[in-house]
Amino acid sequence: MFSTNELKRLAEIVAENIQQEPFEYLPKRSKKRYPSVQGWSERFSNYYWSSSTEPLSDWEQINQLTERLGVYAQRLAAKERIDSDIEAATVNDVFELFKWGGVLRGKDHNPPSIKIINQVISSAIEYNINTDAPMDSAWTKLAAFSTAWLEENTDKPPHIIYDSRVSVALLERIDQAVEMQSNLVVLKNRLNSAGLGYVDGRGGNRKERVQKLKQKKWSIGYGKWSSQIISSKIIDAIVLELNSKTRYGKMRYKNCSYSWNARGVEMVLFMEGY
């Protein structure tokens, strides 16, 4: 389909372009003026979730959820016996995840069933494209949160939340890379043919941006495990690139610094995709 070296070359260009371009968050209906920032580290530090006026306001909640869902996923992967109390607690965690993400509406989202939870987690861990497990704006969040422990697994790395904002930002950056290096068009076409595509969104200016992506021959990726899996592998290549060069800095939260991971790269793209 595509090689590690091809993804590495794409990741190098995407990482450098994002590093060099200033970014200013301009949410509609907001009276607050957000600062213009530049560079991966500064972009990460200016991540905002939902209507929060403070950056990284959901950081601790998300880390706790990721930890709990990761422990459950590892038990599931190891085929350990899981009793009903643990399953009930996991259903509550997934409900909290969907509530945080604003995706409680939708089939089997409220309440989420343990059967589907297990299907989604197993498919995410196994990188199974040919699966009956559902994939949408809710289940992509579970795929991401339950696989963060797969860091440094280059064959099957952690998943990302591949929503409308992340998809728009990532595909635009791929098109930008193709414009800079025309030989990457072969890789873009293979990624597209393999199932990578856009996720429709109504917020911000995504509607207009999706129309431009359609004009550039991208197809829809919503609900497709192929799009979920390919995007996660591209983000993993970007993670490796960011951690290989000191000039990109690190993720910073309060007084701590962290190496880049899939979640951090996804957060930067999420802001860019508004």
Protein backbone atom coordinates (compact mmCIF):
# COMPACT_ATOMS: atom_id res chain seq x y z
CA MET A 1 0.00 0.00 0.00
CA PHE A 2 2.64 2.52 1.12
CA SER A 3 6.03 2.23 2.76
CA THR A 4 7.44 3.58 6.00
CA ASN A 5 9.89 5.70 4.00
CA GLU A 6 7.07 7.28 1.99
CA LEU A 7 5.18 8.21 5.14
CA LYS A 8 8.41 9.51 6.67
CA ARG A 9 8.99 11.84 3.73
CA LEU A 10 5.41 13.10 3.93
CA ALA A 11 5.69 13.56 7.70
CA GLU A 12 8.88 15.62 7.34
CA ILE A 13 7.19 18.10 5.03
CA VAL A 14 3.96 18.33 7.05
CA ALA A 15 5.87 18.79 10.31
CA GLU A 16 8.06 21.56 8.89
CA ASN A 17 5.16 23.41 7.25
CA ILE A 18 3.15 23.46 10.46
CA GLN A 19 6.23 24.58 12.37
CA GLN A 20 6.79 27.56 10.09
CA GLU A 21 3.24 28.85 9.68
CA PRO A 22 1.69 31.15 12.33
CA PHE A 23 -1.74 30.15 13.58
CA GLU A 24 -4.53 32.15 15.16
CA TYR A 25 -7.67 30.51 16.51
CA LEU A 26 -10.74 32.45 15.35
CA PRO A 27 -13.87 30.78 16.74
CA LYS A 28 -17.18 32.24 15.63
CA ARG A 29 -19.36 34.04 18.18
CA SER A 30 -16.42 34.51 20.54
CA LYS A 31 -15.52 37.93 21.89
CA LYS A 32 -12.15 36.74 23.12
CA ARG A 33 -9.10 37.46 20.99
CA TYR A 34 -6.79 34.46 20.85
CA PRO A 35 -3.04 35.00 20.37
CA SER A 36 -1.21 34.24 17.14
CA VAL A 37 1.24 31.40 17.81
CA GLN A 38 3.92 29.63 15.83
CA GLY A 39 5.55 26.24 16.15
CA TRP A 40 4.31 22.87 17.32
CA SER A 41 4.96 23.45 20.99
CA GLU A 42 3.15 26.79 21.06
CA ARG A 43 0.25 25.44 19.05
CA PHE A 44 -0.15 22.57 21.51
CA SER A 45 -0.11 24.96 24.46
CA ASN A 46 -2.95 26.90 22.82
CA TYR A 47 -5.34 23.99 22.38
CA TYR A 48 -8.91 24.76 23.40
CA TRP A 49 -11.72 22.27 23.85
CA SER A 50 -15.35 23.16 23.27
CA SER A 51 -16.34 26.51 24.78
CA SER A 52 -13.50 26.62 27.29
CA THR A 53 -11.60 29.90 27.50
CA GLU A 54 -8.59 28.23 29.14
CA PRO A 55 -6.12 26.14 27.12
CA LEU A 56 -5.77 22.42 27.86
CA SER A 57 -8.70 22.58 30.29
CA ASP A 58 -9.59 18.93 29.66
CA TRP A 59 -6.03 17.54 29.93
CA GLU A 60 -6.36 15.81 33.29
CA GLN A 61 -9.83 14.40 32.63
CA ILE A 62 -8.65 12.98 29.32
CA ASN A 63 -5.51 11.42 30.78
CA GLN A 64 -7.53 9.66 33.47
CA LEU A 65 -10.03 8.31 30.93
CA THR A 66 -7.22 7.20 28.63
CA GLU A 67 -5.54 5.34 31.48
CA ARG A 68 -8.68 3.48 32.52
CA LEU A 69 -9.74 2.56 29.00
CA GLY A 70 -6.20 1.50 28.16
CA VAL A 71 -6.07 -0.88 31.12
CA TYR A 72 -9.37 -2.41 30.03
CA ALA A 73 -8.18 -2.72 26.41
CA GLN A 74 -5.02 -4.52 27.49
CA ARG A 75 -7.05 -7.00 29.51
CA LEU A 76 -9.31 -7.53 26.52
CA ALA A 77 -6.31 -8.06 24.23
CA ALA A 78 -4.82 -10.57 26.65
CA LYS A 79 -8.17 -12.43 26.68
CA GLU A 80 -8.36 -12.17 30.46
CA ARG A 81 -11.58 -12.96 32.24
CA ILE A 82 -13.46 -9.70 32.78
CA ASP A 83 -16.25 -9.67 35.33
CA SER A 84 -19.49 -7.74 35.09
CA ASP A 85 -18.38 -5.02 37.53
CA ILE A 86 -15.41 -4.13 35.31
CA GLU A 87 -17.63 -4.16 32.22
CA ALA A 88 -20.12 -1.86 33.94
CA ALA A 89 -17.33 0.53 34.92
CA THR A 90 -16.08 0.53 31.33
CA VAL A 91 -19.54 1.34 29.99
CA ASN A 92 -19.58 4.32 32.38
CA ASP A 93 -16.14 5.40 31.14
CA VAL A 94 -17.24 5.22 27.51
CA PHE A 95 -20.38 7.18 28.38
CA GLU A 96 -18.15 9.84 29.99
CA LEU A 97 -15.98 9.85 26.88
CA PHE A 98 -18.98 10.34 24.59
CA LYS A 99 -20.35 13.06 26.87
CA TRP A 100 -16.99 14.88 26.78
CA GLY A 101 -16.97 14.58 23.01
CA GLY A 102 -20.56 15.73 22.58
CA VAL A 103 -21.46 12.53 20.73
CA LEU A 104 -24.13 10.94 22.92
CA ARG A 105 -26.61 11.10 20.07
CA GLY A 106 -26.45 8.28 17.58
CA LYS A 107 -27.11 4.58 17.46
CA ASP A 108 -25.76 2.67 20.49
CA HIS A 109 -24.12 5.79 21.94
CA ASN A 110 -26.42 6.27 24.93
CA PRO A 111 -26.03 3.92 26.56
CA PRO A 112 -23.09 2.28 24.78
CA SER A 113 -23.24 -1.51 24.82
CA ILE A 114 -20.32 -3.53 26.15
CA LYS A 115 -20.55 -5.83 23.11
CA ILE A 116 -19.92 -2.97 20.68
CA ILE A 117 -17.32 -1.42 22.97
CA ASN A 118 -15.40 -4.71 22.86
CA GLN A 119 -15.76 -4.97 19.08
CA VAL A 120 -14.43 -1.45 18.52
CA ILE A 121 -11.50 -1.85 20.91
CA SER A 122 -10.53 -5.23 19.43
CA SER A 123 -10.71 -3.91 15.86
CA ALA A 124 -8.61 -0.89 16.82
CA ILE A 125 -5.91 -2.99 18.49
CA GLU A 126 -5.81 -5.46 15.60
CA TYR A 127 -5.98 -2.75 12.90
CA ASN A 128 -8.79 -4.71 11.32
CA ILE A 129 -10.26 -2.94 8.29
CA ASN A 130 -12.61 -5.82 7.49
CA THR A 131 -14.64 -5.53 10.67
CA ASP A 132 -18.29 -5.38 11.62
CA ALA A 133 -17.49 -2.93 14.42
CA PRO A 134 -19.07 0.49 13.84
CA MET A 135 -17.01 3.61 13.17
CA ASP A 136 -18.30 7.16 13.54
CA SER A 137 -17.64 10.39 15.45
CA ALA A 138 -18.10 8.55 18.76
CA TRP A 139 -16.31 5.27 18.14
CA THR A 140 -13.22 6.98 16.72
CA LYS A 141 -12.78 8.52 20.18
CA LEU A 142 -12.92 5.11 21.83
CA ALA A 143 -10.46 3.71 19.29
CA ALA A 144 -8.04 6.51 20.17
CA PHE A 145 -8.41 6.48 23.95
CA SER A 146 -8.21 2.71 24.26
CA THR A 147 -5.00 2.35 22.23
CA ALA A 148 -2.75 5.08 23.62
CA TRP A 149 -0.71 2.34 25.31
CA LEU A 150 0.43 1.13 21.87
CA GLU A 151 3.01 3.95 21.70
CA GLU A 152 6.23 2.93 19.95
CA ASN A 153 4.43 0.08 18.20
CA THR A 154 5.42 1.08 14.67
CA ASP A 155 3.33 -1.63 13.02
CA LYS A 156 0.09 -0.90 14.89
CA PRO A 157 0.50 2.48 16.62
CA PRO A 158 -2.10 4.31 18.72
CA HIS A 159 -5.21 5.52 16.93
CA ILE A 160 -6.22 9.16 16.70
CA ILE A 161 -9.61 10.81 16.89
CA TYR A 162 -10.28 11.18 13.18
CA ASP A 163 -13.08 13.72 13.19
CA SER A 164 -14.05 16.48 10.77
CA ARG A 165 -11.53 19.00 12.12
CA VAL A 166 -8.59 16.61 12.12
CA SER A 167 -9.47 15.19 8.70
CA VAL A 168 -9.72 18.60 7.05
CA ALA A 169 -6.40 19.75 8.50
CA LEU A 170 -4.56 16.52 7.63
CA LEU A 171 -5.81 16.28 4.04
CA GLU A 172 -5.06 19.95 3.39
CA ARG A 173 -1.54 19.40 4.66
CA ILE A 174 -1.11 16.37 2.40
CA ASP A 175 -2.23 18.46 -0.58
CA GLN A 176 0.21 21.20 0.42
CA ALA A 177 3.03 18.64 0.55
CA VAL A 178 2.07 17.37 -2.91
CA GLU A 179 2.24 20.92 -4.27
CA MET A 180 5.76 21.25 -2.86
CA GLN A 181 6.94 17.82 -4.03
CA SER A 182 4.95 16.63 -7.01
CA ASN A 183 6.30 13.07 -6.75
CA LEU A 184 4.18 12.70 -3.59
CA VAL A 185 1.05 12.68 -5.77
CA VAL A 186 1.58 8.94 -6.25
CA LEU A 187 1.47 8.44 -2.47
CA LYS A 188 -1.60 10.69 -2.16
CA ASN A 189 -3.44 8.68 -4.80
CA ARG A 190 -2.62 5.42 -3.04
CA LEU A 191 -3.74 6.79 0.32
CA ASN A 192 -6.98 7.98 -1.28
CA SER A 193 -7.58 4.67 -3.05
CA ALA A 194 -6.91 2.77 0.17
CA GLY A 195 -9.71 4.66 1.91
CA LEU A 196 -8.27 7.83 3.46
CA GLY A 197 -10.83 10.61 3.13
CA TYR A 198 -12.56 13.58 4.70
CA VAL A 199 -15.14 13.68 7.47
CA ASP A 200 -17.92 16.21 6.93
CA GLY A 201 -18.33 18.93 9.54
CA ARG A 202 -20.61 21.93 9.93
CA GLY A 203 -18.66 24.09 12.38
CA GLY A 204 -16.15 26.83 11.63
CA ASN A 205 -15.37 27.05 7.92
CA ARG A 206 -15.12 23.29 7.36
CA LYS A 207 -18.01 23.19 4.90
CA GLU A 208 -16.11 25.32 2.40
CA ARG A 209 -12.86 23.47 3.06
CA VAL A 210 -14.50 20.09 2.46
CA GLN A 211 -15.75 21.36 -0.91
CA LYS A 212 -12.16 22.19 -1.85
CA LEU A 213 -11.03 18.74 -0.76
CA LYS A 214 -13.67 17.21 -3.02
CA GLN A 215 -12.32 19.30 -5.89
CA LYS A 216 -8.90 17.84 -5.18
CA LYS A 217 -10.34 14.35 -5.63
CA TRP A 218 -10.56 13.31 -1.99
CA SER A 219 -13.47 11.01 -1.20
CA ILE A 220 -15.51 10.68 1.99
CA GLY A 221 -13.87 8.80 4.84
CA TYR A 222 -16.64 9.01 7.43
CA GLY A 223 -17.54 5.68 8.97
CA LYS A 224 -14.61 3.88 7.37
CA TRP A 225 -12.08 1.91 9.37
CA SER A 226 -9.68 2.28 6.46
CA SER A 227 -9.67 6.06 6.96
CA GLN A 228 -9.29 5.62 10.72
CA ILE A 229 -6.32 3.27 10.34
CA ILE A 230 -4.45 5.11 7.58
CA SER A 231 -4.76 8.49 9.32
CA SER A 232 -3.39 6.97 12.54
CA LYS A 233 -0.36 5.62 10.69
CA ILE A 234 0.33 9.02 9.12
CA ILE A 235 0.07 10.71 12.52
CA ASP A 236 2.47 8.12 13.94
CA ALA A 237 5.01 9.08 11.27
CA ILE A 238 4.60 12.74 12.28
CA VAL A 239 5.09 11.80 15.95
CA LEU A 240 8.37 10.08 15.10
CA GLU A 241 9.50 13.11 13.09
CA LEU A 242 8.70 15.58 15.89
CA ASN A 243 10.51 13.51 18.51
CA SER A 244 13.58 13.11 16.30
CA LYS A 245 14.36 16.84 16.11
CA THR A 246 14.78 19.19 19.07
CA ARG A 247 13.69 22.28 17.14
CA TYR A 248 10.05 21.20 17.31
CA GLY A 249 10.09 21.39 21.10
CA LYS A 250 7.82 19.27 23.27
CA MET A 251 4.27 19.17 24.53
CA ARG A 252 4.03 21.39 27.60
CA TYR A 253 1.41 21.29 30.32
CA LYS A 254 1.86 23.48 33.39
CA ASN A 255 5.48 22.94 34.46
CA CYS A 256 6.00 19.62 32.67
CA SER A 257 7.24 18.72 29.21
CA TYR A 258 6.35 15.54 27.34
CA SER A 259 7.53 13.82 24.19
CA TRP A 260 5.09 14.04 21.32
CA ASN A 261 2.44 11.36 20.98
CA ALA A 262 -0.54 10.67 18.73
CA ARG A 263 -2.91 12.63 20.97
CA GLY A 264 -0.68 15.71 20.92
CA VAL A 265 -0.36 15.79 17.13
CA GLU A 266 -4.09 15.21 16.81
CA MET A 267 -4.76 18.20 19.12
CA VAL A 268 -2.67 20.51 16.95
CA LEU A 269 -4.50 19.35 13.81
CA PHE A 270 -7.83 19.67 15.63
CA MET A 271 -7.19 23.36 16.24
CA GLU A 272 -6.06 23.93 12.66
CA GLY A 273 -9.13 22.19 11.26
CA TYR A 274 -11.70 24.57 12.76
